[in-house]
Amino acid sequence: MAAILTGFFAGIATGDAMRGVMIGTAVGIAMAVLLWLADRRRG
């Protein structure tokens, strides 16, 4: 959620809020996958 909001505000700053939301969503998904892989490795 934080990645999406950060992307939104970064998008507003650059003049394209929707692009920021899309980038933030992609970053959030990547972080979730990495966390899942790390957790899966542990146990």
C-alpha atoms as a PDB file:
ATOM      1  CA  MET A   1       0.000   0.000   0.000  1.00  0.00           C
ATOM      2  CA  ALA A   2       2.796   2.398   0.874  1.00  0.00           C
ATOM      3  CA  ALA A   3       4.501   1.814  -2.475  1.00  0.00           C
ATOM      4  CA  ILE A   4       1.316   2.713  -4.343  1.00  0.00           C
ATOM      5  CA  LEU A   5       0.835   5.919  -2.357  1.00  0.00           C
ATOM      6  CA  THR A   6       4.489   6.869  -2.753  1.00  0.00           C
ATOM      7  CA  GLY A   7       4.205   6.282  -6.485  1.00  0.00           C
ATOM      8  CA  PHE A   8       1.032   8.369  -6.600  1.00  0.00           C
ATOM      9  CA  PHE A   9       2.688  11.331  -4.922  1.00  0.00           C
ATOM     10  CA  ALA A  10       5.792  10.956  -7.078  1.00  0.00           C
ATOM     11  CA  GLY A  11       3.485  10.884 -10.102  1.00  0.00           C
ATOM     12  CA  ILE A  12       1.753  14.065  -8.991  1.00  0.00           C
ATOM     13  CA  ALA A  13       5.137  15.736  -8.579  1.00  0.00           C
ATOM     14  CA  THR A  14       6.110  14.774 -12.133  1.00  0.00           C
ATOM     15  CA  GLY A  15       2.687  15.584 -13.584  1.00  0.00           C
ATOM     16  CA  ASP A  16       1.441  12.047 -14.307  1.00  0.00           C
ATOM     17  CA  ALA A  17      -0.288  10.584 -11.253  1.00  0.00           C
ATOM     18  CA  MET A  18      -1.554   7.422 -12.962  1.00  0.00           C
ATOM     19  CA  ARG A  19       1.924   6.477 -14.124  1.00  0.00           C
ATOM     20  CA  GLY A  20       3.118   6.863 -10.540  1.00  0.00           C
ATOM     21  CA  VAL A  21       0.335   4.584  -9.312  1.00  0.00           C
ATOM     22  CA  MET A  22       1.262   1.934 -11.870  1.00  0.00           C
ATOM     23  CA  ILE A  23       4.960   2.099 -10.963  1.00  0.00           C
ATOM     24  CA  GLY A  24       4.088   2.017  -7.255  1.00  0.00           C
ATOM     25  CA  THR A  25       1.896  -1.033  -7.810  1.00  0.00           C
ATOM     26  CA  ALA A  26       4.693  -2.805  -9.670  1.00  0.00           C
ATOM     27  CA  VAL A  27       7.150  -2.023  -6.873  1.00  0.00           C
ATOM     28  CA  GLY A  28       4.654  -3.255  -4.273  1.00  0.00           C
ATOM     29  CA  ILE A  29       4.133  -6.524  -6.142  1.00  0.00           C
ATOM     30  CA  ALA A  30       7.887  -7.019  -6.470  1.00  0.00           C
ATOM     31  CA  MET A  31       8.362  -6.411  -2.741  1.00  0.00           C
ATOM     32  CA  ALA A  32       5.588  -8.887  -1.891  1.00  0.00           C
ATOM     33  CA  VAL A  33       7.110 -11.576  -4.132  1.00  0.00           C
ATOM     34  CA  LEU A  34      10.560 -11.069  -2.622  1.00  0.00           C
ATOM     35  CA  LEU A  35       9.137 -11.291   0.887  1.00  0.00           C
ATOM     36  CA  TRP A  36       7.236 -14.451  -0.038  1.00  0.00           C
ATOM     37  CA  LEU A  37      10.369 -16.045  -1.490  1.00  0.00           C
ATOM     38  CA  ALA A  38      12.439 -15.158   1.571  1.00  0.00           C
ATOM     39  CA  ASP A  39       9.771 -16.520   3.909  1.00  0.00           C
ATOM     40  CA  ARG A  40       9.442 -19.687   1.843  1.00  0.00           C
ATOM     41  CA  ARG A  41      13.184 -20.284   2.071  1.00  0.00           C
ATOM     42  CA  ARG A  42      13.061 -20.154   5.878  1.00  0.00           C
ATOM     43  CA  GLY A  43      10.590 -22.769   6.377  1.00  0.00           C
END
